[in-house]
Amino acid sequence: MRRHRLAAGLLALAALVGCNPPTAKDGYRFERAEWSSSQLRVTLVLHPSIEDLDREGRRAGAIVQRDEGIAAWSLIDAHGNCTIHIVDPTRLYLPEFIGHELAHCAFGRFHGARS
């Protein structure tokens, strides 16, 4: 009987987590993958400052969903090449945004507007 209650409790917890995924440190939720790719060709472009990264991102047409500007951005082509633009981590280390952009390389558009 005790095992049955434990299993039922774990199942209920899994259902709750599945229905309402947590918001990550970058402020987004993973909603659904546009595609899934485990073989990535990634190029990093390092910018000297957040201002330079933001300016270049806007110039390239990056979608701005954050009030405070762009923290990282990426370009993905039809051949599986992904270019991630970040601030040089020796100047400003933002791992949550590096990971966020890498997720775009692997899964495409996986989130809506920032929550």
PDB file of N, CA and C in Angstrom:
ATOM      1  N   MET A   1       0.827  -1.196   0.000  1.00  0.00           N
ATOM      2  CA  MET A   1       0.000   0.000   0.000  1.00  0.00           C
ATOM      3  C   MET A   1       0.866   1.252   0.000  1.00  0.00           C
ATOM      4  N   ARG A   2       1.951   1.226   0.783  1.00  0.00           N
ATOM      5  CA  ARG A   2       2.819   2.396   0.862  1.00  0.00           C
ATOM      6  C   ARG A   2       3.461   2.702  -0.498  1.00  0.00           C
ATOM      7  N   ARG A   3       3.895   1.649  -1.217  1.00  0.00           N
ATOM      8  CA  ARG A   3       4.475   1.846  -2.556  1.00  0.00           C
ATOM      9  C   ARG A   3       3.459   2.465  -3.504  1.00  0.00           C
ATOM     10  N   HIS A   4       2.209   2.022  -3.402  1.00  0.00           N
ATOM     11  CA  HIS A   4       1.167   2.539  -4.270  1.00  0.00           C
ATOM     12  C   HIS A   4       0.969   4.045  -4.047  1.00  0.00           C
ATOM     13  N   ARG A   5       0.973   4.468  -2.783  1.00  0.00           N
ATOM     14  CA  ARG A   5       0.825   5.895  -2.476  1.00  0.00           C
ATOM     15  C   ARG A   5       2.019   6.702  -2.970  1.00  0.00           C
ATOM     16  N   LEU A   6       3.218   6.147  -2.812  1.00  0.00           N
ATOM     17  CA  LEU A   6       4.418   6.827  -3.288  1.00  0.00           C
ATOM     18  C   LEU A   6       4.389   6.973  -4.804  1.00  0.00           C
ATOM     19  N   ALA A   7       4.022   5.913  -5.496  1.00  0.00           N
ATOM     20  CA  ALA A   7       3.937   5.959  -6.956  1.00  0.00           C
ATOM     21  C   ALA A   7       2.878   6.960  -7.404  1.00  0.00           C
ATOM     22  N   ALA A   8       1.742   6.981  -6.736  1.00  0.00           N
ATOM     23  CA  ALA A   8       0.669   7.929  -7.074  1.00  0.00           C
ATOM     24  C   ALA A   8       1.135   9.364  -6.832  1.00  0.00           C
ATOM     25  N   GLY A   9       1.862   9.570  -5.739  1.00  0.00           N
ATOM     26  CA  GLY A   9       2.388  10.905  -5.444  1.00  0.00           C
ATOM     27  C   GLY A   9       3.393  11.366  -6.479  1.00  0.00           C
ATOM     28  N   LEU A  10       4.291  10.480  -6.889  1.00  0.00           N
ATOM     29  CA  LEU A  10       5.272  10.826  -7.926  1.00  0.00           C
ATOM     30  C   LEU A  10       4.584  11.100  -9.254  1.00  0.00           C
ATOM     31  N   LEU A  11       3.575  10.327  -9.575  1.00  0.00           N
ATOM     32  CA  LEU A  11       2.829  10.541 -10.810  1.00  0.00           C
ATOM     33  C   LEU A  11       2.133  11.900 -10.784  1.00  0.00           C
ATOM     34  N   ALA A  12       1.553  12.261  -9.656  1.00  0.00           N
ATOM     35  CA  ALA A  12       0.887  13.565  -9.533  1.00  0.00           C
ATOM     36  C   ALA A  12       1.902  14.702  -9.655  1.00  0.00           C
ATOM     37  N   LEU A  13       3.079  14.536  -9.050  1.00  0.00           N
ATOM     38  CA  LEU A  13       4.119  15.546  -9.150  1.00  0.00           C
ATOM     39  C   LEU A  13       4.585  15.700 -10.596  1.00  0.00           C
ATOM     40  N   ALA A  14       4.763  14.596 -11.300  1.00  0.00           N
ATOM     41  CA  ALA A  14       5.176  14.642 -12.704  1.00  0.00           C
ATOM     42  C   ALA A  14       4.125  15.354 -13.543  1.00  0.00           C
ATOM     43  N   ALA A  15       2.858  15.121 -13.254  1.00  0.00           N
ATOM     44  CA  ALA A  15       1.789  15.779 -13.993  1.00  0.00           C
ATOM     45  C   ALA A  15       1.801  17.285 -13.751  1.00  0.00           C
ATOM     46  N   LEU A  16       2.041  17.698 -12.516  1.00  0.00           N
ATOM     47  CA  LEU A  16       2.096  19.130 -12.213  1.00  0.00           C
ATOM     48  C   LEU A  16       3.267  19.806 -12.902  1.00  0.00           C
ATOM     49  N   VAL A  17       4.425  19.174 -12.858  1.00  0.00           N
ATOM     50  CA  VAL A  17       5.607  19.747 -13.496  1.00  0.00           C
ATOM     51  C   VAL A  17       5.401  19.815 -14.997  1.00  0.00           C
ATOM     52  N   GLY A  18       4.796  18.791 -15.588  1.00  0.00           N
ATOM     53  CA  GLY A  18       4.562  18.772 -17.029  1.00  0.00           C
ATOM     54  C   GLY A  18       3.590  19.841 -17.480  1.00  0.00           C
ATOM     55  N   CYS A  19       2.622  20.196 -16.656  1.00  0.00           N
ATOM     56  CA  CYS A  19       1.618  21.183 -17.038  1.00  0.00           C
ATOM     57  C   CYS A  19       2.105  22.613 -16.875  1.00  0.00           C
ATOM     58  N   ASN A  20       3.008  22.829 -15.949  1.00  0.00           N
ATOM     59  CA  ASN A  20       3.450  24.180 -15.675  1.00  0.00           C
ATOM     60  C   ASN A  20       4.970  24.192 -15.523  1.00  0.00           C
ATOM     61  N   PRO A  21       5.697  24.162 -16.657  1.00  0.00           N
ATOM     62  CA  PRO A  21       7.156  24.103 -16.554  1.00  0.00           C
ATOM     63  C   PRO A  21       7.711  25.350 -15.879  1.00  0.00           C
ATOM     64  N   PRO A  22       8.784  25.191 -15.120  1.00  0.00           N
ATOM     65  CA  PRO A  22       9.355  26.342 -14.414  1.00  0.00           C
ATOM     66  C   PRO A  22       9.976  27.349 -15.376  1.00  0.00           C
ATOM     67  N   THR A  23      10.003  28.588 -14.957  1.00  0.00           N
ATOM     68  CA  THR A  23      10.678  29.637 -15.715  1.00  0.00           C
ATOM     69  C   THR A  23      12.156  29.569 -15.365  1.00  0.00           C
ATOM     70  N   ALA A  24      13.006  29.622 -16.377  1.00  0.00           N
ATOM     71  CA  ALA A  24      14.451  29.542 -16.168  1.00  0.00           C
ATOM     72  C   ALA A  24      15.006  30.892 -15.730  1.00  0.00           C
ATOM     73  N   LYS A  25      16.284  30.924 -15.375  1.00  0.00           N
ATOM     74  CA  LYS A  25      16.937  32.152 -14.918  1.00  0.00           C
ATOM     75  C   LYS A  25      16.938  33.243 -15.979  1.00  0.00           C
ATOM     76  N   ASP A  26      16.836  32.843 -17.273  1.00  0.00           N
ATOM     77  CA  ASP A  26      16.813  33.849 -18.336  1.00  0.00           C
ATOM     78  C   ASP A  26      15.426  34.451 -18.527  1.00  0.00           C
ATOM     79  N   GLY A  27      14.431  33.970 -17.759  1.00  0.00           N
ATOM     80  CA  GLY A  27      13.087  34.536 -17.813  1.00  0.00           C
ATOM     81  C   GLY A  27      12.165  33.873 -18.820  1.00  0.00           C
ATOM     82  N   TYR A  28      12.591  32.800 -19.476  1.00  0.00           N
ATOM     83  CA  TYR A  28      11.783  32.130 -20.491  1.00  0.00           C
ATOM     84  C   TYR A  28      11.405  30.723 -20.057  1.00  0.00           C
ATOM     85  N   ARG A  29      10.425  30.158 -20.739  1.00  0.00           N
ATOM     86  CA  ARG A  29      10.025  28.764 -20.556  1.00  0.00           C
ATOM     87  C   ARG A  29      10.211  28.038 -21.882  1.00  0.00           C
ATOM     88  N   PHE A  30      10.610  26.782 -21.801  1.00  0.00           N
ATOM     89  CA  PHE A  30      10.697  25.949 -22.999  1.00  0.00           C
ATOM     90  C   PHE A  30       9.291  25.461 -23.297  1.00  0.00           C
ATOM     91  N   GLU A  31       8.700  25.949 -24.393  1.00  0.00           N
ATOM     92  CA  GLU A  31       7.311  25.616 -24.708  1.00  0.00           C
ATOM     93  C   GLU A  31       7.214  24.416 -25.642  1.00  0.00           C
ATOM     94  N   ARG A  32       7.865  24.498 -26.802  1.00  0.00           N
ATOM     95  CA  ARG A  32       7.857  23.390 -27.752  1.00  0.00           C
ATOM     96  C   ARG A  32       8.979  23.609 -28.754  1.00  0.00           C
ATOM     97  N   ALA A  33       9.562  22.520 -29.196  1.00  0.00           N
ATOM     98  CA  ALA A  33      10.663  22.593 -30.153  1.00  0.00           C
ATOM     99  C   ALA A  33      10.118  22.807 -31.562  1.00  0.00           C
ATOM    100  N   GLU A  34      10.749  23.705 -32.293  1.00  0.00           N
ATOM    101  CA  GLU A  34      10.425  23.886 -33.708  1.00  0.00           C
ATOM    102  C   GLU A  34      11.049  22.743 -34.505  1.00  0.00           C
ATOM    103  N   TRP A  35      12.221  22.287 -34.078  1.00  0.00           N
ATOM    104  CA  TRP A  35      12.910  21.121 -34.605  1.00  0.00           C
ATOM    105  C   TRP A  35      13.828  20.602 -33.510  1.00  0.00           C
ATOM    106  N   SER A  36      14.486  19.486 -33.749  1.00  0.00           N
ATOM    107  CA  SER A  36      15.423  18.947 -32.781  1.00  0.00           C
ATOM    108  C   SER A  36      16.657  18.456 -33.522  1.00  0.00           C
ATOM    109  N   SER A  37      17.813  18.982 -33.139  1.00  0.00           N
ATOM    110  CA  SER A  37      19.060  18.614 -33.792  1.00  0.00           C
ATOM    111  C   SER A  37      20.132  18.377 -32.739  1.00  0.00           C
ATOM    112  N   SER A  38      20.759  17.209 -32.794  1.00  0.00           N
ATOM    113  CA  SER A  38      21.838  16.924 -31.852  1.00  0.00           C
ATOM    114  C   SER A  38      23.218  17.098 -32.492  1.00  0.00           C
ATOM    115  N   GLN A  39      23.255  17.307 -33.799  1.00  0.00           N
ATOM    116  CA  GLN A  39      24.510  17.557 -34.520  1.00  0.00           C
ATOM    117  C   GLN A  39      24.552  19.044 -34.870  1.00  0.00           C
ATOM    118  N   LEU A  40      25.332  19.811 -34.124  1.00  0.00           N
ATOM    119  CA  LEU A  40      25.349  21.259 -34.294  1.00  0.00           C
ATOM    120  C   LEU A  40      26.697  21.738 -34.823  1.00  0.00           C
ATOM    121  N   ARG A  41      26.653  22.757 -35.660  1.00  0.00           N
ATOM    122  CA  ARG A  41      27.857  23.476 -36.095  1.00  0.00           C
ATOM    123  C   ARG A  41      27.700  24.898 -35.578  1.00  0.00           C
ATOM    124  N   VAL A  42      28.439  25.186 -34.523  1.00  0.00           N
ATOM    125  CA  VAL A  42      28.258  26.457 -33.818  1.00  0.00           C
ATOM    126  C   VAL A  42      29.506  27.318 -33.938  1.00  0.00           C
ATOM    127  N   THR A  43      29.276  28.588 -34.246  1.00  0.00           N
ATOM    128  CA  THR A  43      30.336  29.592 -34.254  1.00  0.00           C
ATOM    129  C   THR A  43      29.964  30.636 -33.210  1.00  0.00           C
ATOM    130  N   LEU A  44      30.929  31.034 -32.380  1.00  0.00           N
ATOM    131  CA  LEU A  44      30.701  32.094 -31.401  1.00  0.00           C
ATOM    132  C   LEU A  44      31.310  33.394 -31.910  1.00  0.00           C
ATOM    133  N   VAL A  45      30.538  34.457 -31.812  1.00  0.00           N
ATOM    134  CA  VAL A  45      31.035  35.795 -32.099  1.00  0.00           C
ATOM    135  C   VAL A  45      31.032  36.538 -30.769  1.00  0.00           C
ATOM    136  N   LEU A  46      32.212  36.973 -30.340  1.00  0.00           N
ATOM    137  CA  LEU A  46      32.344  37.648 -29.051  1.00  0.00           C
ATOM    138  C   LEU A  46      32.339  39.159 -29.247  1.00  0.00           C
ATOM    139  N   HIS A  47      31.491  39.827 -28.506  1.00  0.00           N
ATOM    140  CA  HIS A  47      31.386  41.287 -28.564  1.00  0.00           C
ATOM    141  C   HIS A  47      32.074  41.879 -27.338  1.00  0.00           C
ATOM    142  N   PRO A  48      32.669  43.063 -27.492  1.00  0.00           N
ATOM    143  CA  PRO A  48      33.415  43.665 -26.381  1.00  0.00           C
ATOM    144  C   PRO A  48      32.531  44.208 -25.256  1.00  0.00           C
ATOM    145  N   SER A  49      31.249  44.448 -25.542  1.00  0.00           N
ATOM    146  CA  SER A  49      30.366  45.014 -24.520  1.00  0.00           C
ATOM    147  C   SER A  49      28.923  44.639 -24.825  1.00  0.00           C
ATOM    148  N   ILE A  50      28.074  44.775 -23.815  1.00  0.00           N
ATOM    149  CA  ILE A  50      26.645  44.524 -24.001  1.00  0.00           C
ATOM    150  C   ILE A  50      26.046  45.556 -24.959  1.00  0.00           C
ATOM    151  N   GLU A  51      26.582  46.769 -24.927  1.00  0.00           N
ATOM    152  CA  GLU A  51      26.085  47.818 -25.826  1.00  0.00           C
ATOM    153  C   GLU A  51      26.385  47.464 -27.285  1.00  0.00           C
ATOM    154  N   ASP A  52      27.605  46.963 -27.539  1.00  0.00           N
ATOM    155  CA  ASP A  52      27.975  46.563 -28.891  1.00  0.00           C
ATOM    156  C   ASP A  52      27.121  45.388 -29.351  1.00  0.00           C
ATOM    157  N   LEU A  53      26.933  44.405 -28.490  1.00  0.00           N
ATOM    158  CA  LEU A  53      26.114  43.242 -28.818  1.00  0.00           C
ATOM    159  C   LEU A  53      24.685  43.677 -29.142  1.00  0.00           C
ATOM    160  N   ASP A  54      24.116  44.545 -28.325  1.00  0.00           N
ATOM    161  CA  ASP A  54      22.756  45.032 -28.532  1.00  0.00           C
ATOM    162  C   ASP A  54      22.651  45.804 -29.851  1.00  0.00           C
ATOM    163  N   ARG A  55      23.578  46.696 -30.108  1.00  0.00           N
ATOM    164  CA  ARG A  55      23.576  47.490 -31.333  1.00  0.00           C
ATOM    165  C   ARG A  55      23.659  46.591 -32.572  1.00  0.00           C
ATOM    166  N   GLU A  56      24.591  45.632 -32.555  1.00  0.00           N
ATOM    167  CA  GLU A  56      24.762  44.734 -33.699  1.00  0.00           C
ATOM    168  C   GLU A  56      23.550  43.818 -33.868  1.00  0.00           C
ATOM    169  N   GLY A  57      22.968  43.393 -32.761  1.00  0.00           N
ATOM    170  CA  GLY A  57      21.771  42.561 -32.829  1.00  0.00           C
ATOM    171  C   GLY A  57      20.606  43.297 -33.461  1.00  0.00           C
ATOM    172  N   ARG A  58      20.391  44.525 -33.053  1.00  0.00           N
ATOM    173  CA  ARG A  58      19.308  45.322 -33.635  1.00  0.00           C
ATOM    174  C   ARG A  58      19.564  45.585 -35.113  1.00  0.00           C
ATOM    175  N   ARG A  59      20.818  45.842 -35.456  1.00  0.00           N
ATOM    176  CA  ARG A  59      21.191  46.070 -36.856  1.00  0.00           C
ATOM    177  C   ARG A  59      20.911  44.817 -37.700  1.00  0.00           C
ATOM    178  N   ALA A  60      21.116  43.637 -37.115  1.00  0.00           N
ATOM    179  CA  ALA A  60      20.897  42.376 -37.828  1.00  0.00           C
ATOM    180  C   ALA A  60      19.428  41.946 -37.819  1.00  0.00           C
ATOM    181  N   GLY A  61      18.584  42.676 -37.075  1.00  0.00           N
ATOM    182  CA  GLY A  61      17.156  42.368 -37.042  1.00  0.00           C
ATOM    183  C   GLY A  61      16.732  41.423 -35.939  1.00  0.00           C
ATOM    184  N   ALA A  62      17.555  41.298 -34.904  1.00  0.00           N
ATOM    185  CA  ALA A  62      17.194  40.434 -33.773  1.00  0.00           C
ATOM    186  C   ALA A  62      15.915  40.950 -33.129  1.00  0.00           C
ATOM    187  N   ILE A  63      15.079  40.030 -32.705  1.00  0.00           N
ATOM    188  CA  ILE A  63      13.823  40.387 -32.044  1.00  0.00           C
ATOM    189  C   ILE A  63      14.122  40.721 -30.586  1.00  0.00           C
ATOM    190  N   VAL A  64      13.711  41.901 -30.164  1.00  0.00           N
ATOM    191  CA  VAL A  64      13.974  42.351 -28.797  1.00  0.00           C
ATOM    192  C   VAL A  64      12.738  42.065 -27.959  1.00  0.00           C
ATOM    193  N   GLN A  65      12.877  41.129 -27.005  1.00  0.00           N
ATOM    194  CA  GLN A  65      11.762  40.790 -26.125  1.00  0.00           C
ATOM    195  C   GLN A  65      12.055  41.187 -24.689  1.00  0.00           C
ATOM    196  N   ARG A  66      13.158  41.841 -24.464  1.00  0.00           N
ATOM    197  CA  ARG A  66      13.537  42.230 -23.104  1.00  0.00           C
ATOM    198  C   ARG A  66      13.572  43.752 -23.027  1.00  0.00           C
ATOM    199  N   ASP A  67      12.990  44.308 -21.980  1.00  0.00           N
ATOM    200  CA  ASP A  67      12.975  45.759 -21.802  1.00  0.00           C
ATOM    201  C   ASP A  67      14.387  46.333 -21.761  1.00  0.00           C
ATOM    202  N   GLU A  68      15.315  45.587 -21.160  1.00  0.00           N
ATOM    203  CA  GLU A  68      16.668  46.113 -20.991  1.00  0.00           C
ATOM    204  C   GLU A  68      17.573  45.856 -22.190  1.00  0.00           C
ATOM    205  N   GLY A  69      17.044  45.296 -23.274  1.00  0.00           N
ATOM    206  CA  GLY A  69      17.840  45.110 -24.485  1.00  0.00           C
ATOM    207  C   GLY A  69      18.195  43.655 -24.740  1.00  0.00           C
ATOM    208  N   ILE A  70      19.114  43.460 -25.660  1.00  0.00           N
ATOM    209  CA  ILE A  70      19.519  42.123 -26.090  1.00  0.00           C
ATOM    210  C   ILE A  70      20.698  41.653 -25.246  1.00  0.00           C
ATOM    211  N   ALA A  71      20.610  40.448 -24.690  1.00  0.00           N
ATOM    212  CA  ALA A  71      21.689  39.884 -23.880  1.00  0.00           C
ATOM    213  C   ALA A  71      22.523  38.886 -24.676  1.00  0.00           C
ATOM    214  N   ALA A  72      21.969  38.346 -25.763  1.00  0.00           N
ATOM    215  CA  ALA A  72      22.646  37.416 -26.668  1.00  0.00           C
ATOM    216  C   ALA A  72      21.701  37.207 -27.843  1.00  0.00           C
ATOM    217  N   TRP A  73      22.243  36.777 -28.976  1.00  0.00           N
ATOM    218  CA  TRP A  73      21.378  36.480 -30.120  1.00  0.00           C
ATOM    219  C   TRP A  73      22.082  35.482 -31.024  1.00  0.00           C
ATOM    220  N   SER A  74      21.300  34.856 -31.900  1.00  0.00           N
ATOM    221  CA  SER A  74      21.884  33.852 -32.787  1.00  0.00           C
ATOM    222  C   SER A  74      21.262  33.925 -34.174  1.00  0.00           C
ATOM    223  N   LEU A  75      22.021  33.425 -35.136  1.00  0.00           N
ATOM    224  CA  LEU A  75      21.558  33.282 -36.512  1.00  0.00           C
ATOM    225  C   LEU A  75      21.670  31.805 -36.865  1.00  0.00           C
ATOM    226  N   ILE A  76      20.606  31.263 -37.417  1.00  0.00           N
ATOM    227  CA  ILE A  76      20.579  29.851 -37.781  1.00  0.00           C
ATOM    228  C   ILE A  76      20.189  29.771 -39.248  1.00  0.00           C
ATOM    229  N   ASP A  77      20.937  28.976 -40.036  1.00  0.00           N
ATOM    230  CA  ASP A  77      20.583  28.850 -41.448  1.00  0.00           C
ATOM    231  C   ASP A  77      20.016  27.465 -41.754  1.00  0.00           C
ATOM    232  N   ALA A  78      19.540  27.297 -42.965  1.00  0.00           N
ATOM    233  CA  ALA A  78      18.895  26.051 -43.377  1.00  0.00           C
ATOM    234  C   ALA A  78      19.862  24.882 -43.472  1.00  0.00           C
ATOM    235  N   HIS A  79      21.152  25.133 -43.400  1.00  0.00           N
ATOM    236  CA  HIS A  79      22.151  24.069 -43.500  1.00  0.00           C
ATOM    237  C   HIS A  79      22.634  23.591 -42.137  1.00  0.00           C
ATOM    238  N   GLY A  80      22.026  24.045 -41.075  1.00  0.00           N
ATOM    239  CA  GLY A  80      22.385  23.601 -39.737  1.00  0.00           C
ATOM    240  C   GLY A  80      23.523  24.375 -39.099  1.00  0.00           C
ATOM    241  N   ASN A  81      23.896  25.499 -39.685  1.00  0.00           N
ATOM    242  CA  ASN A  81      24.938  26.348 -39.100  1.00  0.00           C
ATOM    243  C   ASN A  81      24.297  27.328 -38.134  1.00  0.00           C
ATOM    244  N   CYS A  82      24.926  27.513 -36.997  1.00  0.00           N
ATOM    245  CA  CYS A  82      24.394  28.411 -35.980  1.00  0.00           C
ATOM    246  C   CYS A  82      25.514  29.336 -35.514  1.00  0.00           C
ATOM    247  N   THR A  83      25.254  30.628 -35.548  1.00  0.00           N
ATOM    248  CA  THR A  83      26.212  31.620 -35.074  1.00  0.00           C
ATOM    249  C   THR A  83      25.609  32.307 -33.859  1.00  0.00           C
ATOM    250  N   ILE A  84      26.277  32.154 -32.722  1.00  0.00           N
ATOM    251  CA  ILE A  84      25.807  32.737 -31.467  1.00  0.00           C
ATOM    252  C   ILE A  84      26.634  33.985 -31.166  1.00  0.00           C
ATOM    253  N   HIS A  85      25.957  35.085 -30.925  1.00  0.00           N
ATOM    254  CA  HIS A  85      26.590  36.351 -30.562  1.00  0.00           C
ATOM    255  C   HIS A  85      26.423  36.559 -29.064  1.00  0.00           C
ATOM    256  N   ILE A  86      27.532  36.708 -28.371  1.00  0.00           N
ATOM    257  CA  ILE A  86      27.523  36.921 -26.921  1.00  0.00           C
ATOM    258  C   ILE A  86      28.559  37.982 -26.574  1.00  0.00           C
ATOM    259  N   VAL A  87      28.449  38.519 -25.378  1.00  0.00           N
ATOM    260  CA  VAL A  87      29.497  39.391 -24.857  1.00  0.00           C
ATOM    261  C   VAL A  87      30.668  38.495 -24.474  1.00  0.00           C
ATOM    262  N   ASP A  88      31.873  38.934 -24.761  1.00  0.00           N
ATOM    263  CA  ASP A  88      33.075  38.190 -24.395  1.00  0.00           C
ATOM    264  C   ASP A  88      32.983  37.836 -22.911  1.00  0.00           C
ATOM    265  N   PRO A  89      32.987  36.536 -22.558  1.00  0.00           N
ATOM    266  CA  PRO A  89      32.805  36.161 -21.153  1.00  0.00           C
ATOM    267  C   PRO A  89      33.921  36.626 -20.228  1.00  0.00           C
ATOM    268  N   THR A  90      35.061  37.023 -20.776  1.00  0.00           N
ATOM    269  CA  THR A  90      36.098  37.591 -19.904  1.00  0.00           C
ATOM    270  C   THR A  90      35.722  38.998 -19.464  1.00  0.00           C
ATOM    271  N   ARG A  91      34.758  39.614 -20.148  1.00  0.00           N
ATOM    272  CA  ARG A  91      34.274  40.951 -19.788  1.00  0.00           C
ATOM    273  C   ARG A  91      32.969  40.895 -19.005  1.00  0.00           C
ATOM    274  N   LEU A  92      32.053  40.001 -19.439  1.00  0.00           N
ATOM    275  CA  LEU A  92      30.753  39.848 -18.782  1.00  0.00           C
ATOM    276  C   LEU A  92      30.269  38.424 -19.024  1.00  0.00           C
ATOM    277  N   TYR A  93      30.246  37.619 -17.976  1.00  0.00           N
ATOM    278  CA  TYR A  93      29.893  36.207 -18.084  1.00  0.00           C
ATOM    279  C   TYR A  93      28.398  36.028 -17.856  1.00  0.00           C
ATOM    280  N   LEU A  94      27.671  35.618 -18.899  1.00  0.00           N
ATOM    281  CA  LEU A  94      26.226  35.414 -18.831  1.00  0.00           C
ATOM    282  C   LEU A  94      25.878  34.005 -19.316  1.00  0.00           C
ATOM    283  N   PRO A  95      26.185  32.965 -18.531  1.00  0.00           N
ATOM    284  CA  PRO A  95      25.992  31.598 -19.013  1.00  0.00           C
ATOM    285  C   PRO A  95      24.548  31.246 -19.337  1.00  0.00           C
ATOM    286  N   GLU A  96      23.585  31.850 -18.637  1.00  0.00           N
ATOM    287  CA  GLU A  96      22.193  31.530 -18.932  1.00  0.00           C
ATOM    288  C   GLU A  96      21.803  31.956 -20.342  1.00  0.00           C
ATOM    289  N   PHE A  97      22.426  33.004 -20.866  1.00  0.00           N
ATOM    290  CA  PHE A  97      22.099  33.452 -22.214  1.00  0.00           C
ATOM    291  C   PHE A  97      22.886  32.687 -23.277  1.00  0.00           C
ATOM    292  N   ILE A  98      24.084  32.261 -22.944  1.00  0.00           N
ATOM    293  CA  ILE A  98      24.837  31.397 -23.859  1.00  0.00           C
ATOM    294  C   ILE A  98      24.047  30.102 -24.056  1.00  0.00           C
ATOM    295  N   GLY A  99      23.603  29.519 -22.968  1.00  0.00           N
ATOM    296  CA  GLY A  99      22.809  28.290 -23.038  1.00  0.00           C
ATOM    297  C   GLY A  99      21.490  28.500 -23.760  1.00  0.00           C
ATOM    298  N   HIS A 100      20.860  29.630 -23.540  1.00  0.00           N
ATOM    299  CA  HIS A 100      19.595  29.951 -24.193  1.00  0.00           C
ATOM    300  C   HIS A 100      19.783  29.956 -25.712  1.00  0.00           C
ATOM    301  N   GLU A 101      20.830  30.618 -26.179  1.00  0.00           N
ATOM    302  CA  GLU A 101      21.064  30.687 -27.621  1.00  0.00           C
ATOM    303  C   GLU A 101      21.454  29.332 -28.197  1.00  0.00           C
ATOM    304  N   LEU A 102      22.210  28.544 -27.444  1.00  0.00           N
ATOM    305  CA  LEU A 102      22.549  27.196 -27.896  1.00  0.00           C
ATOM    306  C   LEU A 102      21.280  26.346 -28.029  1.00  0.00           C
ATOM    307  N   ALA A 103      20.315  26.554 -27.129  1.00  0.00           N
ATOM    308  CA  ALA A 103      19.035  25.844 -27.235  1.00  0.00           C
ATOM    309  C   ALA A 103      18.314  26.235 -28.525  1.00  0.00           C
ATOM    310  N   HIS A 104      18.415  27.502 -28.948  1.00  0.00           N
ATOM    311  CA  HIS A 104      17.829  27.890 -30.241  1.00  0.00           C
ATOM    312  C   HIS A 104      18.500  27.130 -31.380  1.00  0.00           C
ATOM    313  N   CYS A 105      19.811  26.945 -31.303  1.00  0.00           N
ATOM    314  CA  CYS A 105      20.515  26.182 -32.341  1.00  0.00           C
ATOM    315  C   CYS A 105      19.966  24.761 -32.426  1.00  0.00           C
ATOM    316  N   ALA A 106      19.701  24.146 -31.301  1.00  0.00           N
ATOM    317  CA  ALA A 106      19.260  22.749 -31.258  1.00  0.00           C
ATOM    318  C   ALA A 106      17.761  22.581 -31.484  1.00  0.00           C
ATOM    319  N   PHE A 107      16.953  23.568 -31.054  1.00  0.00           N
ATOM    320  CA  PHE A 107      15.508  23.387 -31.059  1.00  0.00           C
ATOM    321  C   PHE A 107      14.722  24.457 -31.812  1.00  0.00           C
ATOM    322  N   GLY A 108      15.389  25.435 -32.401  1.00  0.00           N
ATOM    323  CA  GLY A 108      14.683  26.495 -33.128  1.00  0.00           C
ATOM    324  C   GLY A 108      13.972  27.422 -32.175  1.00  0.00           C
ATOM    325  N   ARG A 109      12.804  27.878 -32.608  1.00  0.00           N
ATOM    326  CA  ARG A 109      12.009  28.771 -31.752  1.00  0.00           C
ATOM    327  C   ARG A 109      11.253  27.909 -30.754  1.00  0.00           C
ATOM    328  N   PHE A 110      11.666  27.959 -29.502  1.00  0.00           N
ATOM    329  CA  PHE A 110      11.090  27.089 -28.483  1.00  0.00           C
ATOM    330  C   PHE A 110      10.309  27.853 -27.422  1.00  0.00           C
ATOM    331  N   HIS A 111      10.250  29.166 -27.519  1.00  0.00           N
ATOM    332  CA  HIS A 111       9.524  29.949 -26.515  1.00  0.00           C
ATOM    333  C   HIS A 111       8.746  31.061 -27.179  1.00  0.00           C
ATOM    334  N   GLY A 112       7.767  31.552 -26.445  1.00  0.00           N
ATOM    335  CA  GLY A 112       7.017  32.733 -26.883  1.00  0.00           C
ATOM    336  C   GLY A 112       7.643  33.956 -26.230  1.00  0.00           C
ATOM    337  N   ALA A 113       6.820  34.924 -25.947  1.00  0.00           N
ATOM    338  CA  ALA A 113       7.303  36.134 -25.284  1.00  0.00           C
ATOM    339  C   ALA A 113       7.773  35.807 -23.874  1.00  0.00           C
ATOM    340  N   ARG A 114       8.611  36.641 -23.361  1.00  0.00           N
ATOM    341  CA  ARG A 114       9.145  36.461 -22.005  1.00  0.00           C
ATOM    342  C   ARG A 114       8.018  36.479 -20.990  1.00  0.00           C
ATOM    343  N   SER A 115       8.107  35.578 -20.021  1.00  0.00           N
ATOM    344  CA  SER A 115       7.049  35.510 -18.998  1.00  0.00           C
ATOM    345  C   SER A 115       7.310  36.472 -17.874  1.00  0.00           C
TER     346      SER A 115
END
